[in-house]
Amino acid sequence: MIAEVLLDTNVLVYAYERSEPTKQQQASELLNALWAKAVVKISTQVLAEFFVTITRKLPAPLALDMARERVQRYMLLCDIVDVTRATVVEAMRGAREFRLPYWDAQIWAAARLAGIGLVFSEDFHDGAVLDGVRFINPFRPDFRIADWL
């Protein structure tokens, strides 16, 4: 059972990605399950990336007002992990030591500094553990949220 999980941007975005219906359904089910258990955390970086992606990068982007409402909803439903100076410094260490792209390193750093031991993302090596933070791809074929709750 997980105490808490930090979500990467792709999990939120897939809930709105109509061109990926399987991932859209998986993301929606995952988010609903996590909110029901009140274990989900989102960083300010993820909120910003989510807003940009759903308003500019999707084939059918959301209107700015609708996207703003979604971000505000997530801020009410989830605990927010702020990106701080310490997060930036730790992310640079993660980029150097683990050879992570900087923005991925910042996700790792936000989780590590907040004491969150689990990140759901499709962008990291599934099952990897970096300084106590484990990465799980919730879109892999054998993923079951029941295994984590």
N, C-alpha and C. Protein backbone atom coordinates (compact mmCIF):
# COMPACT_ATOMS: atom_id res chain seq x y z
N MET A 1 0.85 -1.19 0.00
CA MET A 1 0.00 0.00 0.00
C MET A 1 0.89 1.24 0.00
N ILE A 2 0.56 2.21 -0.85
CA ILE A 2 1.36 3.43 -0.93
C ILE A 2 0.84 4.47 0.05
N ALA A 3 1.77 5.21 0.63
CA ALA A 3 1.38 6.31 1.49
C ALA A 3 1.04 7.53 0.65
N GLU A 4 1.88 7.78 -0.37
CA GLU A 4 1.62 8.88 -1.29
C GLU A 4 2.44 8.69 -2.55
N VAL A 5 1.98 9.32 -3.61
CA VAL A 5 2.63 9.19 -4.92
C VAL A 5 2.65 10.56 -5.59
N LEU A 6 3.78 10.87 -6.21
CA LEU A 6 3.89 12.08 -7.00
C LEU A 6 3.60 11.71 -8.45
N LEU A 7 2.77 12.50 -9.10
CA LEU A 7 2.43 12.23 -10.49
C LEU A 7 3.28 13.08 -11.41
N ASP A 8 3.71 12.48 -12.50
CA ASP A 8 4.38 13.22 -13.55
C ASP A 8 3.30 13.80 -14.47
N THR A 9 3.69 14.75 -15.26
CA THR A 9 2.77 15.47 -16.15
C THR A 9 2.02 14.53 -17.08
N ASN A 10 2.71 13.51 -17.61
CA ASN A 10 2.07 12.65 -18.60
C ASN A 10 0.83 11.96 -18.06
N VAL A 11 0.78 11.66 -16.77
CA VAL A 11 -0.40 11.01 -16.20
C VAL A 11 -1.60 11.95 -16.30
N LEU A 12 -1.41 13.20 -15.95
CA LEU A 12 -2.51 14.16 -16.04
C LEU A 12 -2.91 14.43 -17.49
N VAL A 13 -1.93 14.59 -18.35
CA VAL A 13 -2.20 14.91 -19.76
C VAL A 13 -2.98 13.80 -20.44
N TYR A 14 -2.60 12.55 -20.20
CA TYR A 14 -3.30 11.45 -20.87
C TYR A 14 -4.78 11.41 -20.54
N ALA A 15 -5.19 11.95 -19.41
CA ALA A 15 -6.62 11.99 -19.08
C ALA A 15 -7.39 12.87 -20.07
N TYR A 16 -6.67 13.69 -20.84
CA TYR A 16 -7.30 14.59 -21.81
C TYR A 16 -6.90 14.28 -23.25
N GLU A 17 -6.12 13.26 -23.44
CA GLU A 17 -5.56 12.95 -24.77
C GLU A 17 -6.49 12.00 -25.52
N ARG A 18 -7.39 12.57 -26.31
CA ARG A 18 -8.38 11.77 -27.04
C ARG A 18 -7.76 10.89 -28.12
N SER A 19 -6.58 11.26 -28.60
CA SER A 19 -5.94 10.46 -29.65
C SER A 19 -5.30 9.19 -29.08
N GLU A 20 -5.29 9.05 -27.77
CA GLU A 20 -4.76 7.85 -27.09
C GLU A 20 -5.85 7.30 -26.16
N PRO A 21 -6.94 6.73 -26.73
CA PRO A 21 -8.08 6.34 -25.89
C PRO A 21 -7.75 5.34 -24.79
N THR A 22 -6.85 4.41 -25.05
CA THR A 22 -6.50 3.43 -24.01
C THR A 22 -5.80 4.13 -22.84
N LYS A 23 -4.83 4.96 -23.16
CA LYS A 23 -4.12 5.68 -22.10
C LYS A 23 -5.04 6.70 -21.42
N GLN A 24 -5.95 7.28 -22.18
CA GLN A 24 -6.90 8.22 -21.58
C GLN A 24 -7.74 7.53 -20.52
N GLN A 25 -8.23 6.34 -20.84
CA GLN A 25 -9.03 5.59 -19.87
C GLN A 25 -8.18 5.17 -18.67
N GLN A 26 -6.96 4.68 -18.93
CA GLN A 26 -6.07 4.27 -17.83
C GLN A 26 -5.77 5.45 -16.91
N ALA A 27 -5.47 6.59 -17.49
CA ALA A 27 -5.14 7.77 -16.69
C ALA A 27 -6.34 8.21 -15.85
N SER A 28 -7.51 8.22 -16.44
CA SER A 28 -8.71 8.61 -15.70
C SER A 28 -9.00 7.68 -14.54
N GLU A 29 -8.88 6.38 -14.78
CA GLU A 29 -9.11 5.40 -13.72
C GLU A 29 -8.06 5.54 -12.61
N LEU A 30 -6.81 5.74 -13.00
CA LEU A 30 -5.75 5.91 -12.03
C LEU A 30 -5.98 7.15 -11.16
N LEU A 31 -6.29 8.27 -11.80
CA LEU A 31 -6.52 9.51 -11.05
C LEU A 31 -7.69 9.37 -10.10
N ASN A 32 -8.78 8.78 -10.55
CA ASN A 32 -9.94 8.60 -9.68
C ASN A 32 -9.61 7.72 -8.47
N ALA A 33 -8.85 6.66 -8.69
CA ALA A 33 -8.47 5.77 -7.59
C ALA A 33 -7.55 6.48 -6.60
N LEU A 34 -6.61 7.24 -7.11
CA LEU A 34 -5.67 7.95 -6.23
C LEU A 34 -6.38 9.05 -5.44
N TRP A 35 -7.28 9.79 -6.08
CA TRP A 35 -8.01 10.84 -5.37
C TRP A 35 -8.91 10.23 -4.30
N ALA A 36 -9.50 9.09 -4.59
CA ALA A 36 -10.36 8.44 -3.60
C ALA A 36 -9.59 8.08 -2.34
N LYS A 37 -8.33 7.75 -2.49
CA LYS A 37 -7.48 7.38 -1.34
C LYS A 37 -6.72 8.57 -0.77
N ALA A 38 -6.81 9.73 -1.43
CA ALA A 38 -6.13 10.96 -1.00
C ALA A 38 -4.63 10.75 -0.81
N VAL A 39 -4.00 10.13 -1.80
CA VAL A 39 -2.56 9.86 -1.70
C VAL A 39 -1.75 10.56 -2.78
N VAL A 40 -2.40 11.36 -3.61
CA VAL A 40 -1.71 11.93 -4.77
C VAL A 40 -1.13 13.30 -4.45
N LYS A 41 0.08 13.51 -4.97
CA LYS A 41 0.79 14.79 -4.86
C LYS A 41 1.16 15.23 -6.28
N ILE A 42 1.18 16.54 -6.47
CA ILE A 42 1.57 17.11 -7.76
C ILE A 42 2.50 18.27 -7.48
N SER A 43 3.55 18.39 -8.27
CA SER A 43 4.47 19.50 -8.09
C SER A 43 3.99 20.71 -8.90
N THR A 44 4.48 21.86 -8.52
CA THR A 44 4.16 23.07 -9.28
C THR A 44 4.68 22.96 -10.70
N GLN A 45 5.80 22.28 -10.90
CA GLN A 45 6.33 22.05 -12.24
C GLN A 45 5.31 21.28 -13.08
N VAL A 46 4.74 20.23 -12.52
CA VAL A 46 3.77 19.41 -13.23
C VAL A 46 2.53 20.22 -13.59
N LEU A 47 2.06 21.05 -12.68
CA LEU A 47 0.90 21.89 -12.97
C LEU A 47 1.18 22.82 -14.15
N ALA A 48 2.36 23.41 -14.17
CA ALA A 48 2.72 24.32 -15.26
C ALA A 48 2.84 23.57 -16.58
N GLU A 49 3.53 22.43 -16.57
CA GLU A 49 3.69 21.64 -17.79
C GLU A 49 2.33 21.15 -18.30
N PHE A 50 1.47 20.74 -17.38
CA PHE A 50 0.13 20.28 -17.73
C PHE A 50 -0.64 21.39 -18.44
N PHE A 51 -0.63 22.59 -17.88
CA PHE A 51 -1.36 23.71 -18.47
C PHE A 51 -0.87 24.00 -19.90
N VAL A 52 0.44 24.05 -20.07
CA VAL A 52 1.01 24.33 -21.39
C VAL A 52 0.64 23.21 -22.38
N THR A 53 0.76 21.97 -21.94
CA THR A 53 0.51 20.84 -22.83
C THR A 53 -0.94 20.77 -23.27
N ILE A 54 -1.88 20.91 -22.34
CA ILE A 54 -3.28 20.74 -22.74
C ILE A 54 -3.84 21.95 -23.47
N THR A 55 -3.15 23.08 -23.42
CA THR A 55 -3.63 24.25 -24.16
C THR A 55 -2.90 24.47 -25.47
N ARG A 56 -1.72 23.81 -25.65
CA ARG A 56 -0.93 24.09 -26.85
C ARG A 56 -0.49 22.85 -27.63
N LYS A 57 -0.36 21.73 -26.97
CA LYS A 57 0.31 20.61 -27.63
C LYS A 57 -0.61 19.44 -28.00
N LEU A 58 -1.81 19.40 -27.48
CA LEU A 58 -2.73 18.33 -27.83
C LEU A 58 -3.36 18.59 -29.20
N PRO A 59 -3.72 17.52 -29.92
CA PRO A 59 -4.41 17.72 -31.20
C PRO A 59 -5.72 18.51 -31.04
N ALA A 60 -6.41 18.31 -29.92
CA ALA A 60 -7.62 19.08 -29.61
C ALA A 60 -7.38 19.77 -28.27
N PRO A 61 -6.69 20.92 -28.28
CA PRO A 61 -6.34 21.59 -27.03
C PRO A 61 -7.56 22.14 -26.30
N LEU A 62 -7.43 22.26 -24.98
CA LEU A 62 -8.48 22.84 -24.17
C LEU A 62 -8.39 24.36 -24.22
N ALA A 63 -9.52 25.00 -24.09
CA ALA A 63 -9.54 26.46 -23.99
C ALA A 63 -8.82 26.88 -22.71
N LEU A 64 -8.25 28.06 -22.73
CA LEU A 64 -7.47 28.54 -21.58
C LEU A 64 -8.28 28.55 -20.29
N ASP A 65 -9.53 28.99 -20.35
CA ASP A 65 -10.36 29.03 -19.14
C ASP A 65 -10.63 27.63 -18.60
N MET A 66 -10.89 26.69 -19.50
CA MET A 66 -11.13 25.31 -19.07
C MET A 66 -9.85 24.72 -18.46
N ALA A 67 -8.72 24.97 -19.07
CA ALA A 67 -7.45 24.47 -18.54
C ALA A 67 -7.16 25.07 -17.17
N ARG A 68 -7.43 26.36 -17.02
CA ARG A 68 -7.23 27.02 -15.72
C ARG A 68 -8.11 26.36 -14.65
N GLU A 69 -9.35 26.06 -15.01
CA GLU A 69 -10.26 25.40 -14.07
C GLU A 69 -9.74 24.02 -13.67
N ARG A 70 -9.16 23.29 -14.63
CA ARG A 70 -8.59 21.97 -14.33
C ARG A 70 -7.42 22.09 -13.36
N VAL A 71 -6.54 23.06 -13.61
CA VAL A 71 -5.39 23.26 -12.72
C VAL A 71 -5.88 23.63 -11.32
N GLN A 72 -6.85 24.51 -11.24
CA GLN A 72 -7.38 24.89 -9.92
C GLN A 72 -8.03 23.69 -9.23
N ARG A 73 -8.69 22.85 -9.99
CA ARG A 73 -9.31 21.64 -9.41
C ARG A 73 -8.23 20.73 -8.84
N TYR A 74 -7.16 20.52 -9.59
CA TYR A 74 -6.07 19.67 -9.09
C TYR A 74 -5.44 20.27 -7.84
N MET A 75 -5.35 21.59 -7.78
CA MET A 75 -4.79 22.21 -6.59
C MET A 75 -5.67 21.99 -5.36
N LEU A 76 -6.97 21.80 -5.57
CA LEU A 76 -7.88 21.50 -4.47
C LEU A 76 -7.85 20.02 -4.10
N LEU A 77 -7.71 19.17 -5.10
CA LEU A 77 -7.78 17.72 -4.87
C LEU A 77 -6.47 17.11 -4.34
N CYS A 78 -5.35 17.77 -4.60
CA CYS A 78 -4.04 17.18 -4.31
C CYS A 78 -3.20 18.10 -3.43
N ASP A 79 -2.29 17.49 -2.71
CA ASP A 79 -1.27 18.28 -2.05
C ASP A 79 -0.29 18.71 -3.11
N ILE A 80 0.16 19.94 -3.02
CA ILE A 80 1.07 20.51 -4.01
C ILE A 80 2.47 20.57 -3.42
N VAL A 81 3.43 20.11 -4.20
CA VAL A 81 4.84 20.16 -3.82
C VAL A 81 5.46 21.32 -4.59
N ASP A 82 5.91 22.32 -3.86
CA ASP A 82 6.51 23.49 -4.50
C ASP A 82 7.92 23.19 -4.99
N VAL A 83 8.24 23.74 -6.14
CA VAL A 83 9.61 23.70 -6.64
C VAL A 83 10.33 24.90 -6.00
N THR A 84 11.35 24.59 -5.24
CA THR A 84 12.09 25.60 -4.49
C THR A 84 13.53 25.68 -5.00
N ARG A 85 14.29 26.57 -4.42
CA ARG A 85 15.72 26.64 -4.75
C ARG A 85 16.40 25.30 -4.47
N ALA A 86 16.04 24.71 -3.36
CA ALA A 86 16.63 23.41 -3.01
C ALA A 86 16.28 22.35 -4.05
N THR A 87 15.06 22.43 -4.59
CA THR A 87 14.65 21.48 -5.63
C THR A 87 15.51 21.65 -6.87
N VAL A 88 15.77 22.88 -7.25
CA VAL A 88 16.59 23.16 -8.44
C VAL A 88 18.01 22.62 -8.23
N VAL A 89 18.58 22.86 -7.06
CA VAL A 89 19.93 22.37 -6.77
C VAL A 89 19.96 20.84 -6.77
N GLU A 90 18.97 20.23 -6.15
CA GLU A 90 18.91 18.77 -6.11
C GLU A 90 18.69 18.19 -7.51
N ALA A 91 17.89 18.87 -8.33
CA ALA A 91 17.67 18.41 -9.70
C ALA A 91 18.97 18.45 -10.51
N MET A 92 19.77 19.47 -10.28
CA MET A 92 21.07 19.53 -10.98
C MET A 92 21.95 18.35 -10.55
N ARG A 93 21.89 17.99 -9.27
CA ARG A 93 22.64 16.81 -8.81
C ARG A 93 22.12 15.56 -9.48
N GLY A 94 20.79 15.44 -9.58
CA GLY A 94 20.19 14.27 -10.22
C GLY A 94 20.55 14.19 -11.69
N ALA A 95 20.59 15.33 -12.35
CA ALA A 95 20.98 15.35 -13.77
C ALA A 95 22.42 14.89 -13.92
N ARG A 96 23.27 15.32 -13.02
CA ARG A 96 24.69 14.96 -13.09
C ARG A 96 24.92 13.49 -12.70
N GLU A 97 24.40 13.10 -11.54
CA GLU A 97 24.69 11.76 -11.01
C GLU A 97 23.94 10.65 -11.73
N PHE A 98 22.71 10.92 -12.13
CA PHE A 98 21.88 9.86 -12.73
C PHE A 98 21.69 10.04 -14.23
N ARG A 99 22.30 11.09 -14.77
CA ARG A 99 22.21 11.38 -16.21
C ARG A 99 20.76 11.56 -16.67
N LEU A 100 19.95 12.17 -15.82
CA LEU A 100 18.56 12.44 -16.16
C LEU A 100 18.47 13.75 -16.92
N PRO A 101 17.54 13.85 -17.87
CA PRO A 101 17.26 15.16 -18.45
C PRO A 101 16.82 16.09 -17.30
N TYR A 102 17.15 17.36 -17.39
CA TYR A 102 16.91 18.26 -16.25
C TYR A 102 15.46 18.22 -15.76
N TRP A 103 14.48 18.31 -16.64
CA TRP A 103 13.09 18.39 -16.17
C TRP A 103 12.66 17.09 -15.49
N ASP A 104 13.17 15.96 -15.94
CA ASP A 104 12.91 14.70 -15.23
C ASP A 104 13.61 14.71 -13.87
N ALA A 105 14.82 15.24 -13.85
CA ALA A 105 15.55 15.33 -12.58
C ALA A 105 14.80 16.20 -11.58
N GLN A 106 14.11 17.21 -12.07
CA GLN A 106 13.36 18.07 -11.16
C GLN A 106 12.15 17.34 -10.58
N ILE A 107 11.53 16.46 -11.35
CA ILE A 107 10.45 15.61 -10.82
C ILE A 107 11.01 14.73 -9.71
N TRP A 108 12.14 14.08 -9.98
CA TRP A 108 12.80 13.23 -8.98
C TRP A 108 13.14 14.04 -7.73
N ALA A 109 13.72 15.22 -7.93
CA ALA A 109 14.14 16.05 -6.79
C ALA A 109 12.94 16.49 -5.95
N ALA A 110 11.85 16.86 -6.60
CA ALA A 110 10.66 17.28 -5.86
C ALA A 110 10.15 16.12 -4.99
N ALA A 111 10.11 14.92 -5.55
CA ALA A 111 9.67 13.76 -4.78
C ALA A 111 10.64 13.47 -3.63
N ARG A 112 11.92 13.43 -3.94
CA ARG A 112 12.91 13.11 -2.91
C ARG A 112 12.90 14.09 -1.75
N LEU A 113 12.89 15.37 -2.06
CA LEU A 113 12.92 16.38 -0.99
C LEU A 113 11.62 16.43 -0.19
N ALA A 114 10.52 16.03 -0.80
CA ALA A 114 9.23 15.99 -0.09
C ALA A 114 9.03 14.67 0.65
N GLY A 115 9.99 13.75 0.52
CA GLY A 115 9.87 12.46 1.20
C GLY A 115 8.86 11.53 0.56
N ILE A 116 8.63 11.70 -0.73
CA ILE A 116 7.68 10.86 -1.46
C ILE A 116 8.48 9.77 -2.16
N GLY A 117 8.19 8.54 -1.84
CA GLY A 117 9.00 7.43 -2.34
C GLY A 117 8.55 6.81 -3.65
N LEU A 118 7.48 7.36 -4.25
CA LEU A 118 6.95 6.75 -5.47
C LEU A 118 6.51 7.83 -6.45
N VAL A 119 6.92 7.66 -7.71
CA VAL A 119 6.50 8.54 -8.79
C VAL A 119 5.87 7.68 -9.87
N PHE A 120 4.67 8.07 -10.31
CA PHE A 120 4.05 7.43 -11.45
C PHE A 120 4.37 8.26 -12.68
N SER A 121 5.04 7.65 -13.66
CA SER A 121 5.44 8.33 -14.88
C SER A 121 5.80 7.30 -15.93
N GLU A 122 5.58 7.64 -17.18
CA GLU A 122 6.04 6.76 -18.25
C GLU A 122 7.40 7.20 -18.77
N ASP A 123 7.96 8.28 -18.22
CA ASP A 123 9.20 8.84 -18.74
C ASP A 123 10.48 8.29 -18.12
N PHE A 124 10.37 7.54 -17.06
CA PHE A 124 11.55 6.99 -16.39
C PHE A 124 11.61 5.48 -16.63
N HIS A 125 12.75 4.90 -16.36
CA HIS A 125 12.88 3.44 -16.46
C HIS A 125 11.97 2.81 -15.41
N ASP A 126 11.01 2.02 -15.86
CA ASP A 126 10.03 1.41 -14.96
C ASP A 126 10.72 0.56 -13.91
N GLY A 127 10.43 0.83 -12.66
CA GLY A 127 11.00 0.08 -11.55
C GLY A 127 12.30 0.65 -11.01
N ALA A 128 12.85 1.65 -11.68
CA ALA A 128 14.11 2.25 -11.23
C ALA A 128 13.91 2.89 -9.86
N VAL A 129 14.95 2.82 -9.04
CA VAL A 129 14.96 3.48 -7.74
C VAL A 129 16.20 4.36 -7.68
N LEU A 130 15.98 5.66 -7.49
CA LEU A 130 17.07 6.63 -7.41
C LEU A 130 17.01 7.32 -6.06
N ASP A 131 17.99 7.07 -5.22
CA ASP A 131 18.04 7.67 -3.88
C ASP A 131 16.72 7.53 -3.14
N GLY A 132 16.13 6.36 -3.18
CA GLY A 132 14.92 6.08 -2.44
C GLY A 132 13.62 6.43 -3.14
N VAL A 133 13.67 6.97 -4.35
CA VAL A 133 12.46 7.29 -5.11
C VAL A 133 12.30 6.24 -6.20
N ARG A 134 11.17 5.56 -6.17
CA ARG A 134 10.88 4.50 -7.15
C ARG A 134 9.97 5.05 -8.24
N PHE A 135 10.24 4.65 -9.48
CA PHE A 135 9.47 5.09 -10.64
C PHE A 135 8.70 3.92 -11.23
N ILE A 136 7.41 4.12 -11.39
CA ILE A 136 6.54 3.08 -11.94
C ILE A 136 5.77 3.67 -13.12
N ASN A 137 5.74 2.91 -14.21
CA ASN A 137 4.97 3.32 -15.39
C ASN A 137 3.55 2.78 -15.25
N PRO A 138 2.58 3.67 -15.00
CA PRO A 138 1.20 3.20 -14.84
C PRO A 138 0.51 2.85 -16.16
N PHE A 139 1.24 2.97 -17.27
CA PHE A 139 0.66 2.65 -18.58
C PHE A 139 1.20 1.33 -19.13
N ARG A 140 2.03 0.65 -18.37
CA ARG A 140 2.53 -0.65 -18.83
C ARG A 140 1.35 -1.63 -18.82
N PRO A 141 1.39 -2.63 -19.70
CA PRO A 141 0.24 -3.53 -19.85
C PRO A 141 -0.17 -4.27 -18.57
N ASP A 142 0.78 -4.59 -17.70
CA ASP A 142 0.45 -5.37 -16.50
C ASP A 142 0.22 -4.51 -15.26
N PHE A 143 0.18 -3.19 -15.40
CA PHE A 143 -0.02 -2.32 -14.25
C PHE A 143 -1.45 -2.47 -13.72
N ARG A 144 -1.55 -2.62 -12.40
CA ARG A 144 -2.86 -2.66 -11.73
C ARG A 144 -2.78 -1.73 -10.53
N ILE A 145 -3.65 -0.74 -10.51
CA ILE A 145 -3.64 0.20 -9.39
C ILE A 145 -3.93 -0.50 -8.07
N ALA A 146 -4.71 -1.56 -8.11
CA ALA A 146 -5.01 -2.31 -6.88
C ALA A 146 -3.74 -2.85 -6.21
N ASP A 147 -2.70 -3.07 -6.98
CA ASP A 147 -1.44 -3.55 -6.41
C ASP A 147 -0.74 -2.48 -5.57
N TRP A 148 -1.16 -1.22 -5.74
CA TRP A 148 -0.48 -0.11 -5.06
C TRP A 148 -1.33 0.52 -3.97
N LEU A 149 -2.62 0.25 -3.96
CA LEU A 149 -3.50 0.88 -2.95
C LEU A 149 -3.85 -0.07 -1.83
